């Protein structure tokens, strides 16, 4: 996980995404991996994948305000101002 975070911080998005995918192979419901994969998907312009990953993160960590906030940002980018 630290390697993935370091790669993302250094701007190595493809490496970070690959490392987060490896975390998911070991722990499919890992909230940080799901959240981070959602960030990467959003940055690539794949809002559907971003929502799917972040919904997964929210299911495993429903009280995390950052996850809820970023889901709202992605939904707003899709034109869903009601968040449905």
PDB file of N, CA and C in Angstrom:
ATOM      1  N   UNK A   1       0.822  -1.191   0.000  1.00  0.00           N
ATOM      2  CA  UNK A   1       0.000   0.000   0.000  1.00  0.00           C
ATOM      3  C   UNK A   1       0.864   1.253   0.000  1.00  0.00           C
ATOM      4  N   UNK A   2       1.952   1.220   0.753  1.00  0.00           N
ATOM      5  CA  UNK A   2       2.816   2.393   0.794  1.00  0.00           C
ATOM      6  C   UNK A   2       3.430   2.671  -0.568  1.00  0.00           C
ATOM      7  N   UNK A   3       3.775   1.590  -1.287  1.00  0.00           N
ATOM      8  CA  UNK A   3       4.346   1.760  -2.619  1.00  0.00           C
ATOM      9  C   UNK A   3       3.341   2.418  -3.555  1.00  0.00           C
ATOM     10  N   UNK A   4       2.094   2.007  -3.467  1.00  0.00           N
ATOM     11  CA  UNK A   4       1.055   2.575  -4.332  1.00  0.00           C
ATOM     12  C   UNK A   4       0.866   4.059  -4.027  1.00  0.00           C
ATOM     13  N   UNK A   5       0.816   4.394  -2.759  1.00  0.00           N
ATOM     14  CA  UNK A   5       0.675   5.793  -2.369  1.00  0.00           C
ATOM     15  C   UNK A   5       1.862   6.629  -2.806  1.00  0.00           C
ATOM     16  N   UNK A   6       3.062   6.073  -2.673  1.00  0.00           N
ATOM     17  CA  UNK A   6       4.268   6.786  -3.093  1.00  0.00           C
ATOM     18  C   UNK A   6       4.280   6.990  -4.604  1.00  0.00           C
ATOM     19  N   UNK A   7       3.862   5.968  -5.341  1.00  0.00           N
ATOM     20  CA  UNK A   7       3.816   6.084  -6.801  1.00  0.00           C
ATOM     21  C   UNK A   7       2.833   7.174  -7.219  1.00  0.00           C
ATOM     22  N   UNK A   8       1.677   7.212  -6.575  1.00  0.00           N
ATOM     23  CA  UNK A   8       0.683   8.240  -6.895  1.00  0.00           C
ATOM     24  C   UNK A   8       1.212   9.626  -6.547  1.00  0.00           C
ATOM     25  N   UNK A   9       1.857   9.755  -5.400  1.00  0.00           N
ATOM     26  CA  UNK A   9       2.407  11.044  -4.986  1.00  0.00           C
ATOM     27  C   UNK A   9       3.469  11.546  -5.956  1.00  0.00           C
ATOM     28  N   UNK A  10       4.189  10.599  -6.569  1.00  0.00           N
ATOM     29  CA  UNK A  10       5.235  10.955  -7.532  1.00  0.00           C
ATOM     30  C   UNK A  10       4.675  11.172  -8.932  1.00  0.00           C
ATOM     31  N   UNK A  11       3.358  10.976  -9.094  1.00  0.00           N
ATOM     32  CA  UNK A  11       2.743  11.164 -10.396  1.00  0.00           C
ATOM     33  C   UNK A  11       2.835   9.958 -11.309  1.00  0.00           C
ATOM     34  N   UNK A  12       3.249   8.822 -10.761  1.00  0.00           N
ATOM     35  CA  UNK A  12       3.333   7.581 -11.536  1.00  0.00           C
ATOM     36  C   UNK A  12       1.990   6.857 -11.452  1.00  0.00           C
ATOM     37  N   UNK A  13       0.996   7.395 -12.156  1.00  0.00           N
ATOM     38  CA  UNK A  13      -0.377   6.926 -12.019  1.00  0.00           C
ATOM     39  C   UNK A  13      -0.563   5.484 -12.459  1.00  0.00           C
ATOM     40  N   UNK A  14       0.064   5.093 -13.557  1.00  0.00           N
ATOM     41  CA  UNK A  14      -0.107   3.717 -14.035  1.00  0.00           C
ATOM     42  C   UNK A  14       0.471   2.721 -13.040  1.00  0.00           C
ATOM     43  N   UNK A  15       1.641   3.037 -12.496  1.00  0.00           N
ATOM     44  CA  UNK A  15       2.249   2.152 -11.503  1.00  0.00           C
ATOM     45  C   UNK A  15       1.382   2.090 -10.248  1.00  0.00           C
ATOM     46  N   UNK A  16       0.900   3.237  -9.804  1.00  0.00           N
ATOM     47  CA  UNK A  16       0.054   3.273  -8.606  1.00  0.00           C
ATOM     48  C   UNK A  16      -1.207   2.444  -8.817  1.00  0.00           C
ATOM     49  N   UNK A  17      -1.818   2.601  -9.981  1.00  0.00           N
ATOM     50  CA  UNK A  17      -3.043   1.850 -10.253  1.00  0.00           C
ATOM     51  C   UNK A  17      -2.772   0.349 -10.271  1.00  0.00           C
ATOM     52  N   UNK A  18      -1.658  -0.049 -10.875  1.00  0.00           N
ATOM     53  CA  UNK A  18      -1.307  -1.476 -10.910  1.00  0.00           C
ATOM     54  C   UNK A  18      -1.075  -2.010  -9.498  1.00  0.00           C
ATOM     55  N   UNK A  19      -0.436  -1.220  -8.655  1.00  0.00           N
ATOM     56  CA  UNK A  19      -0.185  -1.650  -7.277  1.00  0.00           C
ATOM     57  C   UNK A  19      -1.485  -1.742  -6.485  1.00  0.00           C
ATOM     58  N   UNK A  20      -2.408  -0.800  -6.684  1.00  0.00           N
ATOM     59  CA  UNK A  20      -3.699  -0.869  -5.995  1.00  0.00           C
ATOM     60  C   UNK A  20      -4.494  -2.073  -6.467  1.00  0.00           C
ATOM     61  N   UNK A  21      -4.360  -2.428  -7.746  1.00  0.00           N
ATOM     62  CA  UNK A  21      -5.034  -3.636  -8.239  1.00  0.00           C
ATOM     63  C   UNK A  21      -4.480  -4.879  -7.544  1.00  0.00           C
ATOM     64  N   UNK A  22      -3.177  -4.891  -7.280  1.00  0.00           N
ATOM     65  CA  UNK A  22      -2.592  -6.033  -6.558  1.00  0.00           C
ATOM     66  C   UNK A  22      -3.125  -6.098  -5.133  1.00  0.00           C
ATOM     67  N   UNK A  23      -3.288  -4.948  -4.494  1.00  0.00           N
ATOM     68  CA  UNK A  23      -3.877  -4.929  -3.151  1.00  0.00           C
ATOM     69  C   UNK A  23      -5.279  -5.532  -3.213  1.00  0.00           C
ATOM     70  N   UNK A  24      -6.048  -5.165  -4.232  1.00  0.00           N
ATOM     71  CA  UNK A  24      -7.412  -5.701  -4.373  1.00  0.00           C
ATOM     72  C   UNK A  24      -7.427  -7.199  -4.598  1.00  0.00           C
ATOM     73  N   UNK A  25      -6.409  -7.730  -5.253  1.00  0.00           N
ATOM     74  CA  UNK A  25      -6.346  -9.181  -5.440  1.00  0.00           C
ATOM     75  C   UNK A  25      -6.230  -9.886  -4.095  1.00  0.00           C
ATOM     76  N   UNK A  26      -5.507  -9.269  -3.180  1.00  0.00           N
ATOM     77  CA  UNK A  26      -5.319  -9.845  -1.847  1.00  0.00           C
ATOM     78  C   UNK A  26      -6.495  -9.547  -0.919  1.00  0.00           C
ATOM     79  N   UNK A  27      -7.076  -8.380  -1.086  1.00  0.00           N
ATOM     80  CA  UNK A  27      -8.187  -7.943  -0.227  1.00  0.00           C
ATOM     81  C   UNK A  27      -9.196  -7.193  -1.097  1.00  0.00           C
ATOM     82  N   UNK A  28     -10.119  -7.909  -1.745  1.00  0.00           N
ATOM     83  CA  UNK A  28     -11.037  -7.290  -2.712  1.00  0.00           C
ATOM     84  C   UNK A  28     -11.866  -6.121  -2.179  1.00  0.00           C
ATOM     85  N   UNK A  29     -12.136  -6.093  -0.897  1.00  0.00           N
ATOM     86  CA  UNK A  29     -12.967  -5.023  -0.330  1.00  0.00           C
ATOM     87  C   UNK A  29     -12.138  -3.983   0.418  1.00  0.00           C
ATOM     88  N   UNK A  30     -10.851  -3.902   0.139  1.00  0.00           N
ATOM     89  CA  UNK A  30      -9.981  -2.949   0.838  1.00  0.00           C
ATOM     90  C   UNK A  30     -10.417  -1.521   0.492  1.00  0.00           C
ATOM     91  N   UNK A  31     -10.900  -0.745   1.472  1.00  0.00           N
ATOM     92  CA  UNK A  31     -11.472   0.570   1.162  1.00  0.00           C
ATOM     93  C   UNK A  31     -10.481   1.545   0.533  1.00  0.00           C
ATOM     94  N   UNK A  32      -9.239   1.567   0.990  1.00  0.00           N
ATOM     95  CA  UNK A  32      -8.267   2.507   0.414  1.00  0.00           C
ATOM     96  C   UNK A  32      -7.941   2.140  -1.029  1.00  0.00           C
ATOM     97  N   UNK A  33      -7.844   0.843  -1.312  1.00  0.00           N
ATOM     98  CA  UNK A  33      -7.585   0.410  -2.689  1.00  0.00           C
ATOM     99  C   UNK A  33      -8.756   0.803  -3.587  1.00  0.00           C
ATOM    100  N   UNK A  34      -9.974   0.552  -3.134  1.00  0.00           N
ATOM    101  CA  UNK A  34     -11.152   0.901  -3.923  1.00  0.00           C
ATOM    102  C   UNK A  34     -11.241   2.410  -4.136  1.00  0.00           C
ATOM    103  N   UNK A  35     -11.006   3.160  -3.085  1.00  0.00           N
ATOM    104  CA  UNK A  35     -11.039   4.620  -3.182  1.00  0.00           C
ATOM    105  C   UNK A  35      -9.999   5.111  -4.184  1.00  0.00           C
ATOM    106  N   UNK A  36      -8.776   4.614  -4.045  1.00  0.00           N
ATOM    107  CA  UNK A  36      -7.688   5.068  -4.914  1.00  0.00           C
ATOM    108  C   UNK A  36      -7.919   4.668  -6.366  1.00  0.00           C
ATOM    109  N   UNK A  37      -8.426   3.466  -6.581  1.00  0.00           N
ATOM    110  CA  UNK A  37      -8.746   3.056  -7.949  1.00  0.00           C
ATOM    111  C   UNK A  37      -9.846   3.944  -8.529  1.00  0.00           C
ATOM    112  N   UNK A  38     -10.765   4.370  -7.681  1.00  0.00           N
ATOM    113  CA  UNK A  38     -11.786   5.315  -8.128  1.00  0.00           C
ATOM    114  C   UNK A  38     -11.191   6.652  -8.536  1.00  0.00           C
ATOM    115  N   UNK A  39     -10.209   7.118  -7.774  1.00  0.00           N
ATOM    116  CA  UNK A  39      -9.511   8.365  -8.117  1.00  0.00           C
ATOM    117  C   UNK A  39      -8.839   8.220  -9.479  1.00  0.00           C
ATOM    118  N   UNK A  40      -8.129   7.119  -9.671  1.00  0.00           N
ATOM    119  CA  UNK A  40      -7.421   6.904 -10.935  1.00  0.00           C
ATOM    120  C   UNK A  40      -8.400   6.805 -12.105  1.00  0.00           C
ATOM    121  N   UNK A  41      -9.509   6.109 -11.909  1.00  0.00           N
ATOM    122  CA  UNK A  41     -10.510   5.989 -12.973  1.00  0.00           C
ATOM    123  C   UNK A  41     -11.076   7.366 -13.329  1.00  0.00           C
ATOM    124  N   UNK A  42     -11.343   8.171 -12.321  1.00  0.00           N
ATOM    125  CA  UNK A  42     -11.873   9.510 -12.559  1.00  0.00           C
ATOM    126  C   UNK A  42     -10.873  10.355 -13.338  1.00  0.00           C
ATOM    127  N   UNK A  43      -9.600  10.258 -12.972  1.00  0.00           N
ATOM    128  CA  UNK A  43      -8.569  11.024 -13.668  1.00  0.00           C
ATOM    129  C   UNK A  43      -8.431  10.599 -15.127  1.00  0.00           C
ATOM    130  N   UNK A  44      -8.745   9.348 -15.420  1.00  0.00           N
ATOM    131  CA  UNK A  44      -8.715   8.854 -16.803  1.00  0.00           C
ATOM    132  C   UNK A  44      -9.980   9.236 -17.560  1.00  0.00           C
ATOM    133  N   UNK A  45     -10.966   9.784 -16.843  1.00  0.00           N
ATOM    134  CA  UNK A  45     -12.224  10.151 -17.468  1.00  0.00           C
ATOM    135  C   UNK A  45     -13.261   9.044 -17.466  1.00  0.00           C
ATOM    136  N   UNK A  46     -12.992   7.974 -16.735  1.00  0.00           N
ATOM    137  CA  UNK A  46     -13.920   6.840 -16.664  1.00  0.00           C
ATOM    138  C   UNK A  46     -14.791   7.000 -15.424  1.00  0.00           C
ATOM    139  N   UNK A  47     -15.834   7.828 -15.553  1.00  0.00           N
ATOM    140  CA  UNK A  47     -16.657   8.129 -14.380  1.00  0.00           C
ATOM    141  C   UNK A  47     -17.468   6.926 -13.916  1.00  0.00           C
ATOM    142  N   UNK A  48     -17.858   6.048 -14.837  1.00  0.00           N
ATOM    143  CA  UNK A  48     -18.610   4.854 -14.431  1.00  0.00           C
ATOM    144  C   UNK A  48     -17.768   3.970 -13.516  1.00  0.00           C
ATOM    145  N   UNK A  49     -16.516   3.722 -13.896  1.00  0.00           N
ATOM    146  CA  UNK A  49     -15.629   2.911 -13.056  1.00  0.00           C
ATOM    147  C   UNK A  49     -15.344   3.633 -11.746  1.00  0.00           C
ATOM    148  N   UNK A  50     -15.183   4.958 -11.818  1.00  0.00           N
ATOM    149  CA  UNK A  50     -14.912   5.734 -10.605  1.00  0.00           C
ATOM    150  C   UNK A  50     -16.039   5.558  -9.597  1.00  0.00           C
ATOM    151  N   UNK A  51     -17.273   5.649 -10.064  1.00  0.00           N
ATOM    152  CA  UNK A  51     -18.423   5.472  -9.174  1.00  0.00           C
ATOM    153  C   UNK A  51     -18.459   4.050  -8.628  1.00  0.00           C
ATOM    154  N   UNK A  52     -18.220   3.073  -9.474  1.00  0.00           N
ATOM    155  CA  UNK A  52     -18.262   1.675  -9.020  1.00  0.00           C
ATOM    156  C   UNK A  52     -17.223   1.423  -7.932  1.00  0.00           C
ATOM    157  N   UNK A  53     -15.996   1.884  -8.146  1.00  0.00           N
ATOM    158  CA  UNK A  53     -14.957   1.698  -7.130  1.00  0.00           C
ATOM    159  C   UNK A  53     -15.316   2.433  -5.843  1.00  0.00           C
ATOM    160  N   UNK A  54     -15.776   3.662  -5.980  1.00  0.00           N
ATOM    161  CA  UNK A  54     -16.073   4.445  -4.784  1.00  0.00           C
ATOM    162  C   UNK A  54     -17.312   3.952  -4.061  1.00  0.00           C
ATOM    163  N   UNK A  55     -18.272   3.420  -4.792  1.00  0.00           N
ATOM    164  CA  UNK A  55     -19.418   2.793  -4.124  1.00  0.00           C
ATOM    165  C   UNK A  55     -18.953   1.585  -3.319  1.00  0.00           C
ATOM    166  N   UNK A  56     -18.010   0.830  -3.866  1.00  0.00           N
ATOM    167  CA  UNK A  56     -17.435  -0.301  -3.135  1.00  0.00           C
ATOM    168  C   UNK A  56     -16.716   0.161  -1.885  1.00  0.00           C
ATOM    169  N   UNK A  57     -15.964   1.255  -2.011  1.00  0.00           N
ATOM    170  CA  UNK A  57     -15.261   1.805  -0.851  1.00  0.00           C
ATOM    171  C   UNK A  57     -16.256   2.269   0.204  1.00  0.00           C
ATOM    172  N   UNK A  58     -17.330   2.891  -0.243  1.00  0.00           N
ATOM    173  CA  UNK A  58     -18.336   3.382   0.708  1.00  0.00           C
ATOM    174  C   UNK A  58     -19.029   2.229   1.424  1.00  0.00           C
ATOM    175  N   UNK A  59     -19.243   1.122   0.711  1.00  0.00           N
ATOM    176  CA  UNK A  59     -19.890  -0.039   1.329  1.00  0.00           C
ATOM    177  C   UNK A  59     -19.034  -0.621   2.448  1.00  0.00           C
ATOM    178  N   UNK A  60     -17.716  -0.549   2.297  1.00  0.00           N
ATOM    179  CA  UNK A  60     -16.831  -1.108   3.317  1.00  0.00           C
ATOM    180  C   UNK A  60     -16.447  -0.087   4.381  1.00  0.00           C
ATOM    181  N   UNK A  61     -16.613   1.193   4.072  1.00  0.00           N
ATOM    182  CA  UNK A  61     -16.244   2.244   5.013  1.00  0.00           C
ATOM    183  C   UNK A  61     -17.258   3.393   4.907  1.00  0.00           C
ATOM    184  N   UNK A  62     -18.513   3.138   5.319  1.00  0.00           N
ATOM    185  CA  UNK A  62     -19.590   4.106   5.082  1.00  0.00           C
ATOM    186  C   UNK A  62     -19.459   5.430   5.826  1.00  0.00           C
ATOM    187  N   UNK A  63     -18.683   5.473   6.878  1.00  0.00           N
ATOM    188  CA  UNK A  63     -18.572   6.706   7.652  1.00  0.00           C
ATOM    189  C   UNK A  63     -17.427   7.603   7.187  1.00  0.00           C
ATOM    190  N   UNK A  64     -16.701   7.199   6.161  1.00  0.00           N
ATOM    191  CA  UNK A  64     -15.557   7.985   5.699  1.00  0.00           C
ATOM    192  C   UNK A  64     -16.053   9.172   4.871  1.00  0.00           C
ATOM    193  N   UNK A  65     -15.910  10.398   5.395  1.00  0.00           N
ATOM    194  CA  UNK A  65     -16.448  11.559   4.680  1.00  0.00           C
ATOM    195  C   UNK A  65     -15.747  11.829   3.351  1.00  0.00           C
ATOM    196  N   UNK A  66     -14.473  11.468   3.223  1.00  0.00           N
ATOM    197  CA  UNK A  66     -13.757  11.702   1.973  1.00  0.00           C
ATOM    198  C   UNK A  66     -14.352  10.854   0.849  1.00  0.00           C
ATOM    199  N   UNK A  67     -14.729   9.633   1.173  1.00  0.00           N
ATOM    200  CA  UNK A  67     -15.338   8.762   0.164  1.00  0.00           C
ATOM    201  C   UNK A  67     -16.679   9.337  -0.278  1.00  0.00           C
ATOM    202  N   UNK A  68     -17.499   9.754   0.670  1.00  0.00           N
ATOM    203  CA  UNK A  68     -18.810  10.325   0.348  1.00  0.00           C
ATOM    204  C   UNK A  68     -18.642  11.593  -0.494  1.00  0.00           C
ATOM    205  N   UNK A  69     -17.703  12.442  -0.121  1.00  0.00           N
ATOM    206  CA  UNK A  69     -17.466  13.685  -0.852  1.00  0.00           C
ATOM    207  C   UNK A  69     -17.025  13.412  -2.285  1.00  0.00           C
ATOM    208  N   UNK A  70     -16.114  12.480  -2.463  1.00  0.00           N
ATOM    209  CA  UNK A  70     -15.623  12.232  -3.815  1.00  0.00           C
ATOM    210  C   UNK A  70     -16.672  11.556  -4.687  1.00  0.00           C
ATOM    211  N   UNK A  71     -17.534  10.750  -4.105  1.00  0.00           N
ATOM    212  CA  UNK A  71     -18.654  10.199  -4.882  1.00  0.00           C
ATOM    213  C   UNK A  71     -19.523  11.355  -5.384  1.00  0.00           C
ATOM    214  N   UNK A  72     -19.777  12.324  -4.529  1.00  0.00           N
ATOM    215  CA  UNK A  72     -20.585  13.482  -4.927  1.00  0.00           C
ATOM    216  C   UNK A  72     -19.915  14.260  -6.055  1.00  0.00           C
ATOM    217  N   UNK A  73     -18.598  14.419  -5.992  1.00  0.00           N
ATOM    218  CA  UNK A  73     -17.864  15.138  -7.042  1.00  0.00           C
ATOM    219  C   UNK A  73     -18.003  14.424  -8.382  1.00  0.00           C
ATOM    220  N   UNK A  74     -17.840  13.107  -8.371  1.00  0.00           N
ATOM    221  CA  UNK A  74     -17.943  12.337  -9.617  1.00  0.00           C
ATOM    222  C   UNK A  74     -19.366  12.402 -10.160  1.00  0.00           C
ATOM    223  N   UNK A  75     -20.348  12.246  -9.290  1.00  0.00           N
ATOM    224  CA  UNK A  75     -21.741  12.300  -9.749  1.00  0.00           C
ATOM    225  C   UNK A  75     -22.068  13.678 -10.325  1.00  0.00           C
ATOM    226  N   UNK A  76     -21.553  14.721  -9.711  1.00  0.00           N
ATOM    227  CA  UNK A  76     -21.778  16.066 -10.232  1.00  0.00           C
ATOM    228  C   UNK A  76     -21.133  16.210 -11.611  1.00  0.00           C
ATOM    229  N   UNK A  77     -19.949  15.640 -11.790  1.00  0.00           N
ATOM    230  CA  UNK A  77     -19.279  15.686 -13.093  1.00  0.00           C
ATOM    231  C   UNK A  77     -20.091  14.965 -14.162  1.00  0.00           C
ATOM    232  N   UNK A  78     -20.885  13.990 -13.737  1.00  0.00           N
ATOM    233  CA  UNK A  78     -21.762  13.262 -14.659  1.00  0.00           C
ATOM    234  C   UNK A  78     -23.060  14.025 -14.923  1.00  0.00           C
ATOM    235  N   UNK A  79     -23.256  15.136 -14.229  1.00  0.00           N
ATOM    236  CA  UNK A  79     -24.484  15.899 -14.386  1.00  0.00           C
ATOM    237  C   UNK A  79     -25.577  15.488 -13.423  1.00  0.00           C
ATOM    238  N   UNK A  80     -25.239  14.616 -12.484  1.00  0.00           N
ATOM    239  CA  UNK A  80     -26.209  14.125 -11.499  1.00  0.00           C
ATOM    240  C   UNK A  80     -26.127  15.000 -10.256  1.00  0.00           C
ATOM    241  N   UNK A  81     -26.819  16.128 -10.286  1.00  0.00           N
ATOM    242  CA  UNK A  81     -26.754  17.048  -9.154  1.00  0.00           C
ATOM    243  C   UNK A  81     -27.588  16.586  -7.972  1.00  0.00           C
ATOM    244  N   UNK A  82     -28.480  15.619  -8.195  1.00  0.00           N
ATOM    245  CA  UNK A  82     -29.287  15.080  -7.105  1.00  0.00           C
ATOM    246  C   UNK A  82     -28.597  13.923  -6.405  1.00  0.00           C
ATOM    247  N   UNK A  83     -27.517  13.387  -6.995  1.00  0.00           N
ATOM    248  CA  UNK A  83     -26.776  12.294  -6.377  1.00  0.00           C
ATOM    249  C   UNK A  83     -27.485  10.969  -6.411  1.00  0.00           C
ATOM    250  N   UNK A  84     -28.243  10.722  -7.443  1.00  0.00           N
ATOM    251  CA  UNK A  84     -28.993   9.467  -7.514  1.00  0.00           C
ATOM    252  C   UNK A  84     -28.336   8.478  -8.429  1.00  0.00           C
TER     253      UNK A  84
END
